[in-house]
Amino acid sequence: MGNPKLSTANEHSGQAALSICEALLLAMNDGGLLPEHEIVGVLRDAAATHENAVGTEEEMRAHRSIAALINQIIAGGNSVRRPQL
């Protein structure tokens, strides 16, 4: 197995990146730069990229997990500011 400290650091980096991206998408919507349907389109494109990715079984599991998380955000929202994107 991998280094637990590295795994935790990677998890924290991923959570930080998700929070930053979410804040940027919300700011773009609030500022009128992108309407909600465009933001959902960006999220769908990101999910599709991971759904269609290829690699080892371990890499494929990671891609499926990432796609599922993005699809959950689309379906139910992940924002503390609004119930849905």
PDB file of N, CA and C in Angstrom:
ATOM      1  N   MET A   1       0.840  -1.183   0.000  1.00  0.00           N
ATOM      2  CA  MET A   1       0.000   0.000   0.000  1.00  0.00           C
ATOM      3  C   MET A   1       0.876   1.234   0.000  1.00  0.00           C
ATOM      4  N   GLY A   2       0.248   2.372  -0.307  1.00  0.00           N
ATOM      5  CA  GLY A   2       0.987   3.617  -0.411  1.00  0.00           C
ATOM      6  C   GLY A   2       1.256   4.252   0.932  1.00  0.00           C
ATOM      7  N   ASN A   3       1.947   5.330   0.869  1.00  0.00           N
ATOM      8  CA  ASN A   3       2.283   6.112   2.045  1.00  0.00           C
ATOM      9  C   ASN A   3       1.028   6.804   2.567  1.00  0.00           C
ATOM     10  N   PRO A   4       0.603   6.535   3.829  1.00  0.00           N
ATOM     11  CA  PRO A   4      -0.629   7.134   4.351  1.00  0.00           C
ATOM     12  C   PRO A   4      -0.576   8.655   4.397  1.00  0.00           C
ATOM     13  N   LYS A   5       0.605   9.225   4.690  1.00  0.00           N
ATOM     14  CA  LYS A   5       0.723  10.681   4.722  1.00  0.00           C
ATOM     15  C   LYS A   5       0.498  11.267   3.329  1.00  0.00           C
ATOM     16  N   LEU A   6       1.055  10.629   2.309  1.00  0.00           N
ATOM     17  CA  LEU A   6       0.881  11.091   0.940  1.00  0.00           C
ATOM     18  C   LEU A   6      -0.578  10.965   0.516  1.00  0.00           C
ATOM     19  N   SER A   7      -1.208   9.847   0.898  1.00  0.00           N
ATOM     20  CA  SER A   7      -2.616   9.641   0.571  1.00  0.00           C
ATOM     21  C   SER A   7      -3.483  10.728   1.187  1.00  0.00           C
ATOM     22  N   THR A   8      -3.232  11.057   2.449  1.00  0.00           N
ATOM     23  CA  THR A   8      -3.997  12.111   3.127  1.00  0.00           C
ATOM     24  C   THR A   8      -3.744  13.460   2.471  1.00  0.00           C
ATOM     25  N   ALA A   9      -2.496  13.731   2.126  1.00  0.00           N
ATOM     26  CA  ALA A   9      -2.173  14.995   1.452  1.00  0.00           C
ATOM     27  C   ALA A   9      -2.885  15.076   0.107  1.00  0.00           C
ATOM     28  N   ASN A  10      -2.913  13.971  -0.641  1.00  0.00           N
ATOM     29  CA  ASN A  10      -3.613  13.960  -1.927  1.00  0.00           C
ATOM     30  C   ASN A  10      -5.106  14.181  -1.744  1.00  0.00           C
ATOM     31  N   GLU A  11      -5.684  13.550  -0.716  1.00  0.00           N
ATOM     32  CA  GLU A  11      -7.114  13.721  -0.443  1.00  0.00           C
ATOM     33  C   GLU A  11      -7.421  15.174  -0.113  1.00  0.00           C
ATOM     34  N   HIS A  12      -6.586  15.776   0.713  1.00  0.00           N
ATOM     35  CA  HIS A  12      -6.796  17.177   1.084  1.00  0.00           C
ATOM     36  C   HIS A  12      -6.625  18.089  -0.130  1.00  0.00           C
ATOM     37  N   SER A  13      -5.658  17.783  -0.976  1.00  0.00           N
ATOM     38  CA  SER A  13      -5.468  18.566  -2.203  1.00  0.00           C
ATOM     39  C   SER A  13      -6.693  18.464  -3.103  1.00  0.00           C
ATOM     40  N   GLY A  14      -7.236  17.271  -3.211  1.00  0.00           N
ATOM     41  CA  GLY A  14      -8.429  17.066  -4.030  1.00  0.00           C
ATOM     42  C   GLY A  14      -9.628  17.822  -3.485  1.00  0.00           C
ATOM     43  N   GLN A  15      -9.802  17.793  -2.173  1.00  0.00           N
ATOM     44  CA  GLN A  15     -10.916  18.522  -1.555  1.00  0.00           C
ATOM     45  C   GLN A  15     -10.746  20.024  -1.737  1.00  0.00           C
ATOM     46  N   ALA A  16      -9.524  20.517  -1.615  1.00  0.00           N
ATOM     47  CA  ALA A  16      -9.268  21.935  -1.815  1.00  0.00           C
ATOM     48  C   ALA A  16      -9.552  22.329  -3.264  1.00  0.00           C
ATOM     49  N   ALA A  17      -9.107  21.506  -4.207  1.00  0.00           N
ATOM     50  CA  ALA A  17      -9.343  21.794  -5.621  1.00  0.00           C
ATOM     51  C   ALA A  17     -10.839  21.813  -5.932  1.00  0.00           C
ATOM     52  N   LEU A  18     -11.583  20.867  -5.375  1.00  0.00           N
ATOM     53  CA  LEU A  18     -13.024  20.833  -5.587  1.00  0.00           C
ATOM     54  C   LEU A  18     -13.686  22.096  -5.037  1.00  0.00           C
ATOM     55  N   SER A  19     -13.290  22.510  -3.855  1.00  0.00           N
ATOM     56  CA  SER A  19     -13.868  23.718  -3.255  1.00  0.00           C
ATOM     57  C   SER A  19     -13.548  24.959  -4.073  1.00  0.00           C
ATOM     58  N   ILE A  20     -12.316  25.051  -4.551  1.00  0.00           N
ATOM     59  CA  ILE A  20     -11.916  26.200  -5.362  1.00  0.00           C
ATOM     60  C   ILE A  20     -12.700  26.222  -6.671  1.00  0.00           C
ATOM     61  N   CYS A  21     -12.803  25.073  -7.327  1.00  0.00           N
ATOM     62  CA  CYS A  21     -13.545  25.014  -8.597  1.00  0.00           C
ATOM     63  C   CYS A  21     -15.014  25.347  -8.395  1.00  0.00           C
ATOM     64  N   GLU A  22     -15.593  24.836  -7.325  1.00  0.00           N
ATOM     65  CA  GLU A  22     -16.988  25.135  -7.040  1.00  0.00           C
ATOM     66  C   GLU A  22     -17.169  26.636  -6.830  1.00  0.00           C
ATOM     67  N   ALA A  23     -16.275  27.245  -6.069  1.00  0.00           N
ATOM     68  CA  ALA A  23     -16.356  28.687  -5.821  1.00  0.00           C
ATOM     69  C   ALA A  23     -16.215  29.472  -7.118  1.00  0.00           C
ATOM     70  N   LEU A  24     -15.319  29.046  -7.989  1.00  0.00           N
ATOM     71  CA  LEU A  24     -15.144  29.728  -9.278  1.00  0.00           C
ATOM     72  C   LEU A  24     -16.392  29.606 -10.150  1.00  0.00           C
ATOM     73  N   LEU A  25     -16.989  28.409 -10.196  1.00  0.00           N
ATOM     74  CA  LEU A  25     -18.202  28.229 -10.998  1.00  0.00           C
ATOM     75  C   LEU A  25     -19.345  29.073 -10.447  1.00  0.00           C
ATOM     76  N   LEU A  26     -19.481  29.119  -9.127  1.00  0.00           N
ATOM     77  CA  LEU A  26     -20.523  29.946  -8.520  1.00  0.00           C
ATOM     78  C   LEU A  26     -20.282  31.425  -8.801  1.00  0.00           C
ATOM     79  N   ALA A  27     -19.022  31.857  -8.708  1.00  0.00           N
ATOM     80  CA  ALA A  27     -18.699  33.260  -8.980  1.00  0.00           C
ATOM     81  C   ALA A  27     -18.978  33.610 -10.443  1.00  0.00           C
ATOM     82  N   MET A  28     -18.670  32.696 -11.360  1.00  0.00           N
ATOM     83  CA  MET A  28     -18.954  32.944 -12.778  1.00  0.00           C
ATOM     84  C   MET A  28     -20.455  33.068 -13.023  1.00  0.00           C
ATOM     85  N   ASN A  29     -21.227  32.252 -12.321  1.00  0.00           N
ATOM     86  CA  ASN A  29     -22.677  32.338 -12.453  1.00  0.00           C
ATOM     87  C   ASN A  29     -23.189  33.629 -11.831  1.00  0.00           C
ATOM     88  N   ASP A  30     -22.738  33.931 -10.632  1.00  0.00           N
ATOM     89  CA  ASP A  30     -23.171  35.151  -9.941  1.00  0.00           C
ATOM     90  C   ASP A  30     -22.789  36.402 -10.715  1.00  0.00           C
ATOM     91  N   GLY A  31     -21.632  36.383 -11.375  1.00  0.00           N
ATOM     92  CA  GLY A  31     -21.164  37.530 -12.145  1.00  0.00           C
ATOM     93  C   GLY A  31     -21.738  37.614 -13.547  1.00  0.00           C
ATOM     94  N   GLY A  32     -22.573  36.655 -13.892  1.00  0.00           N
ATOM     95  CA  GLY A  32     -23.195  36.672 -15.213  1.00  0.00           C
ATOM     96  C   GLY A  32     -22.278  36.217 -16.337  1.00  0.00           C
ATOM     97  N   LEU A  33     -21.144  35.600 -16.009  1.00  0.00           N
ATOM     98  CA  LEU A  33     -20.226  35.128 -17.037  1.00  0.00           C
ATOM     99  C   LEU A  33     -20.698  33.834 -17.676  1.00  0.00           C
ATOM    100  N   LEU A  34     -21.318  32.969 -16.878  1.00  0.00           N
ATOM    101  CA  LEU A  34     -21.843  31.697 -17.377  1.00  0.00           C
ATOM    102  C   LEU A  34     -23.195  31.438 -16.742  1.00  0.00           C
ATOM    103  N   PRO A  35     -24.203  31.133 -17.571  1.00  0.00           N
ATOM    104  CA  PRO A  35     -25.493  30.749 -16.996  1.00  0.00           C
ATOM    105  C   PRO A  35     -25.411  29.332 -16.424  1.00  0.00           C
ATOM    106  N   GLU A  36     -26.377  28.995 -15.574  1.00  0.00           N
ATOM    107  CA  GLU A  36     -26.350  27.684 -14.914  1.00  0.00           C
ATOM    108  C   GLU A  36     -26.291  26.530 -15.902  1.00  0.00           C
ATOM    109  N   HIS A  37     -27.005  26.619 -17.026  1.00  0.00           N
ATOM    110  CA  HIS A  37     -26.981  25.493 -17.965  1.00  0.00           C
ATOM    111  C   HIS A  37     -25.587  25.293 -18.571  1.00  0.00           C
ATOM    112  N   GLU A  38     -24.809  26.361 -18.717  1.00  0.00           N
ATOM    113  CA  GLU A  38     -23.433  26.226 -19.204  1.00  0.00           C
ATOM    114  C   GLU A  38     -22.541  25.592 -18.136  1.00  0.00           C
ATOM    115  N   ILE A  39     -22.767  25.959 -16.893  1.00  0.00           N
ATOM    116  CA  ILE A  39     -21.989  25.383 -15.792  1.00  0.00           C
ATOM    117  C   ILE A  39     -22.276  23.889 -15.685  1.00  0.00           C
ATOM    118  N   VAL A  40     -23.539  23.522 -15.803  1.00  0.00           N
ATOM    119  CA  VAL A  40     -23.895  22.099 -15.781  1.00  0.00           C
ATOM    120  C   VAL A  40     -23.239  21.392 -16.963  1.00  0.00           C
ATOM    121  N   GLY A  41     -23.180  22.058 -18.113  1.00  0.00           N
ATOM    122  CA  GLY A  41     -22.507  21.488 -19.283  1.00  0.00           C
ATOM    123  C   GLY A  41     -21.030  21.240 -19.022  1.00  0.00           C
ATOM    124  N   VAL A  42     -20.370  22.183 -18.361  1.00  0.00           N
ATOM    125  CA  VAL A  42     -18.958  22.014 -18.002  1.00  0.00           C
ATOM    126  C   VAL A  42     -18.801  20.794 -17.097  1.00  0.00           C
ATOM    127  N   LEU A  43     -19.676  20.670 -16.108  1.00  0.00           N
ATOM    128  CA  LEU A  43     -19.613  19.525 -15.197  1.00  0.00           C
ATOM    129  C   LEU A  43     -19.881  18.214 -15.934  1.00  0.00           C
ATOM    130  N   ARG A  44     -20.846  18.214 -16.840  1.00  0.00           N
ATOM    131  CA  ARG A  44     -21.135  16.989 -17.620  1.00  0.00           C
ATOM    132  C   ARG A  44     -19.943  16.602 -18.490  1.00  0.00           C
ATOM    133  N   ASP A  45     -19.298  17.602 -19.103  1.00  0.00           N
ATOM    134  CA  ASP A  45     -18.106  17.314 -19.900  1.00  0.00           C
ATOM    135  C   ASP A  45     -17.002  16.704 -19.043  1.00  0.00           C
ATOM    136  N   ALA A  46     -16.825  17.252 -17.841  1.00  0.00           N
ATOM    137  CA  ALA A  46     -15.801  16.722 -16.942  1.00  0.00           C
ATOM    138  C   ALA A  46     -16.120  15.280 -16.552  1.00  0.00           C
ATOM    139  N   ALA A  47     -17.383  15.012 -16.236  1.00  0.00           N
ATOM    140  CA  ALA A  47     -17.786  13.648 -15.879  1.00  0.00           C
ATOM    141  C   ALA A  47     -17.569  12.700 -17.058  1.00  0.00           C
ATOM    142  N   ALA A  48     -17.946  13.129 -18.254  1.00  0.00           N
ATOM    143  CA  ALA A  48     -17.795  12.280 -19.441  1.00  0.00           C
ATOM    144  C   ALA A  48     -16.328  11.954 -19.711  1.00  0.00           C
ATOM    145  N   THR A  49     -15.456  12.918 -19.465  1.00  0.00           N
ATOM    146  CA  THR A  49     -14.028  12.670 -19.646  1.00  0.00           C
ATOM    147  C   THR A  49     -13.575  11.511 -18.779  1.00  0.00           C
ATOM    148  N   HIS A  50     -14.028  11.485 -17.541  1.00  0.00           N
ATOM    149  CA  HIS A  50     -13.638  10.400 -16.644  1.00  0.00           C
ATOM    150  C   HIS A  50     -14.381   9.103 -16.954  1.00  0.00           C
ATOM    151  N   GLU A  51     -15.625   9.203 -17.392  1.00  0.00           N
ATOM    152  CA  GLU A  51     -16.381   7.998 -17.752  1.00  0.00           C
ATOM    153  C   GLU A  51     -15.761   7.302 -18.957  1.00  0.00           C
ATOM    154  N   ASN A  52     -15.132   8.054 -19.835  1.00  0.00           N
ATOM    155  CA  ASN A  52     -14.562   7.498 -21.068  1.00  0.00           C
ATOM    156  C   ASN A  52     -13.060   7.254 -20.986  1.00  0.00           C
ATOM    157  N   ALA A  53     -12.476   7.490 -19.824  1.00  0.00           N
ATOM    158  CA  ALA A  53     -11.033   7.320 -19.663  1.00  0.00           C
ATOM    159  C   ALA A  53     -10.661   5.840 -19.714  1.00  0.00           C
ATOM    160  N   VAL A  54      -9.435   5.589 -20.103  1.00  0.00           N
ATOM    161  CA  VAL A  54      -8.910   4.223 -20.131  1.00  0.00           C
ATOM    162  C   VAL A  54      -7.663   4.161 -19.260  1.00  0.00           C
ATOM    163  N   GLY A  55      -7.308   2.971 -18.869  1.00  0.00           N
ATOM    164  CA  GLY A  55      -6.107   2.784 -18.053  1.00  0.00           C
ATOM    165  C   GLY A  55      -6.154   1.451 -17.358  1.00  0.00           C
ATOM    166  N   THR A  56      -5.342   1.341 -16.335  1.00  0.00           N
ATOM    167  CA  THR A  56      -5.316   0.119 -15.542  1.00  0.00           C
ATOM    168  C   THR A  56      -6.633   0.012 -14.768  1.00  0.00           C
ATOM    169  N   GLU A  57      -6.872  -1.142 -14.186  1.00  0.00           N
ATOM    170  CA  GLU A  57      -8.101  -1.321 -13.400  1.00  0.00           C
ATOM    171  C   GLU A  57      -8.151  -0.323 -12.245  1.00  0.00           C
ATOM    172  N   GLU A  58      -7.020  -0.098 -11.599  1.00  0.00           N
ATOM    173  CA  GLU A  58      -6.957   0.871 -10.500  1.00  0.00           C
ATOM    174  C   GLU A  58      -7.270   2.287 -11.004  1.00  0.00           C
ATOM    175  N   GLU A  59      -6.709   2.663 -12.133  1.00  0.00           N
ATOM    176  CA  GLU A  59      -6.983   3.977 -12.721  1.00  0.00           C
ATOM    177  C   GLU A  59      -8.447   4.098 -13.125  1.00  0.00           C
ATOM    178  N   MET A  60      -9.008   3.024 -13.657  1.00  0.00           N
ATOM    179  CA  MET A  60     -10.411   3.034 -14.077  1.00  0.00           C
ATOM    180  C   MET A  60     -11.330   3.196 -12.862  1.00  0.00           C
ATOM    181  N   ARG A  61     -11.005   2.539 -11.759  1.00  0.00           N
ATOM    182  CA  ARG A  61     -11.791   2.709 -10.522  1.00  0.00           C
ATOM    183  C   ARG A  61     -11.757   4.164 -10.078  1.00  0.00           C
ATOM    184  N   ALA A  62     -10.594   4.773 -10.143  1.00  0.00           N
ATOM    185  CA  ALA A  62     -10.467   6.179  -9.748  1.00  0.00           C
ATOM    186  C   ALA A  62     -11.297   7.068 -10.679  1.00  0.00           C
ATOM    187  N   HIS A  63     -11.219   6.831 -11.972  1.00  0.00           N
ATOM    188  CA  HIS A  63     -11.992   7.624 -12.931  1.00  0.00           C
ATOM    189  C   HIS A  63     -13.497   7.458 -12.706  1.00  0.00           C
ATOM    190  N   ARG A  64     -13.941   6.228 -12.456  1.00  0.00           N
ATOM    191  CA  ARG A  64     -15.359   6.000 -12.192  1.00  0.00           C
ATOM    192  C   ARG A  64     -15.816   6.724 -10.929  1.00  0.00           C
ATOM    193  N   SER A  65     -14.970   6.704  -9.923  1.00  0.00           N
ATOM    194  CA  SER A  65     -15.287   7.385  -8.671  1.00  0.00           C
ATOM    195  C   SER A  65     -15.380   8.896  -8.879  1.00  0.00           C
ATOM    196  N   ILE A  66     -14.464   9.439  -9.637  1.00  0.00           N
ATOM    197  CA  ILE A  66     -14.477  10.883  -9.932  1.00  0.00           C
ATOM    198  C   ILE A  66     -15.721  11.243 -10.730  1.00  0.00           C
ATOM    199  N   ALA A  67     -16.048  10.450 -11.744  1.00  0.00           N
ATOM    200  CA  ALA A  67     -17.245  10.708 -12.554  1.00  0.00           C
ATOM    201  C   ALA A  67     -18.502  10.643 -11.689  1.00  0.00           C
ATOM    202  N   ALA A  68     -18.556   9.671 -10.777  1.00  0.00           N
ATOM    203  CA  ALA A  68     -19.722   9.548  -9.900  1.00  0.00           C
ATOM    204  C   ALA A  68     -19.859  10.779  -9.008  1.00  0.00           C
ATOM    205  N   LEU A  69     -18.747  11.272  -8.485  1.00  0.00           N
ATOM    206  CA  LEU A  69     -18.784  12.464  -7.641  1.00  0.00           C
ATOM    207  C   LEU A  69     -19.294  13.670  -8.434  1.00  0.00           C
ATOM    208  N   ILE A  70     -18.789  13.849  -9.638  1.00  0.00           N
ATOM    209  CA  ILE A  70     -19.241  14.968 -10.473  1.00  0.00           C
ATOM    210  C   ILE A  70     -20.729  14.830 -10.779  1.00  0.00           C
ATOM    211  N   ASN A  71     -21.170  13.620 -11.093  1.00  0.00           N
ATOM    212  CA  ASN A  71     -22.591  13.396 -11.380  1.00  0.00           C
ATOM    213  C   ASN A  71     -23.460  13.645 -10.155  1.00  0.00           C
ATOM    214  N   GLN A  72     -22.947  13.355  -8.962  1.00  0.00           N
ATOM    215  CA  GLN A  72     -23.684  13.670  -7.733  1.00  0.00           C
ATOM    216  C   GLN A  72     -23.821  15.178  -7.563  1.00  0.00           C
ATOM    217  N   ILE A  73     -22.768  15.910  -7.894  1.00  0.00           N
ATOM    218  CA  ILE A  73     -22.812  17.360  -7.810  1.00  0.00           C
ATOM    219  C   ILE A  73     -23.874  17.892  -8.763  1.00  0.00           C
ATOM    220  N   ILE A  74     -23.916  17.354  -9.977  1.00  0.00           N
ATOM    221  CA  ILE A  74     -24.918  17.781 -10.960  1.00  0.00           C
ATOM    222  C   ILE A  74     -26.321  17.462 -10.456  1.00  0.00           C
ATOM    223  N   ALA A  75     -26.509  16.249  -9.955  1.00  0.00           N
ATOM    224  CA  ALA A  75     -27.843  15.793  -9.559  1.00  0.00           C
ATOM    225  C   ALA A  75     -28.367  16.489  -8.318  1.00  0.00           C
ATOM    226  N   GLY A  76     -27.513  16.667  -7.343  1.00  0.00           N
ATOM    227  CA  GLY A  76     -28.018  17.173  -6.072  1.00  0.00           C
ATOM    228  C   GLY A  76     -27.397  18.455  -5.597  1.00  0.00           C
ATOM    229  N   GLY A  77     -26.479  18.977  -6.336  1.00  0.00           N
ATOM    230  CA  GLY A  77     -25.788  20.163  -5.873  1.00  0.00           C
ATOM    231  C   GLY A  77     -24.811  19.798  -4.777  1.00  0.00           C
ATOM    232  N   ASN A  78     -23.763  20.562  -4.658  1.00  0.00           N
ATOM    233  CA  ASN A  78     -22.771  20.319  -3.633  1.00  0.00           C
ATOM    234  C   ASN A  78     -22.401  21.626  -2.956  1.00  0.00           C
ATOM    235  N   SER A  79     -23.225  22.627  -3.190  1.00  0.00           N
ATOM    236  CA  SER A  79     -22.892  23.952  -2.685  1.00  0.00           C
ATOM    237  C   SER A  79     -23.544  24.220  -1.349  1.00  0.00           C
ATOM    238  N   VAL A  80     -22.831  24.917  -0.494  1.00  0.00           N
ATOM    239  CA  VAL A  80     -23.447  25.355   0.751  1.00  0.00           C
ATOM    240  C   VAL A  80     -24.329  26.566   0.507  1.00  0.00           C
ATOM    241  N   ARG A  81     -24.186  27.205  -0.655  1.00  0.00           N
ATOM    242  CA  ARG A  81     -24.942  28.417  -0.966  1.00  0.00           C
ATOM    243  C   ARG A  81     -26.269  28.137  -1.646  1.00  0.00           C
ATOM    244  N   ARG A  82     -26.377  27.047  -2.374  1.00  0.00           N
ATOM    245  CA  ARG A  82     -27.618  26.719  -3.057  1.00  0.00           C
ATOM    246  C   ARG A  82     -27.830  25.213  -3.062  1.00  0.00           C
ATOM    247  N   PRO A  83     -29.094  24.810  -3.133  1.00  0.00           N
ATOM    248  CA  PRO A  83     -29.371  23.373  -3.117  1.00  0.00           C
ATOM    249  C   PRO A  83     -28.965  22.678  -4.409  1.00  0.00           C
ATOM    250  N   GLN A  84     -28.963  23.390  -5.530  1.00  0.00           N
ATOM    251  CA  GLN A  84     -28.608  22.774  -6.807  1.00  0.00           C
ATOM    252  C   GLN A  84     -27.903  23.760  -7.684  1.00  0.00           C
ATOM    253  N   LEU A  85     -26.994  23.249  -8.514  1.00  0.00           N
ATOM    254  CA  LEU A  85     -26.335  24.073  -9.531  1.00  0.00           C
ATOM    255  C   LEU A  85     -27.152  24.069 -10.787  1.00  0.00           C
TER     256      LEU A  85
END
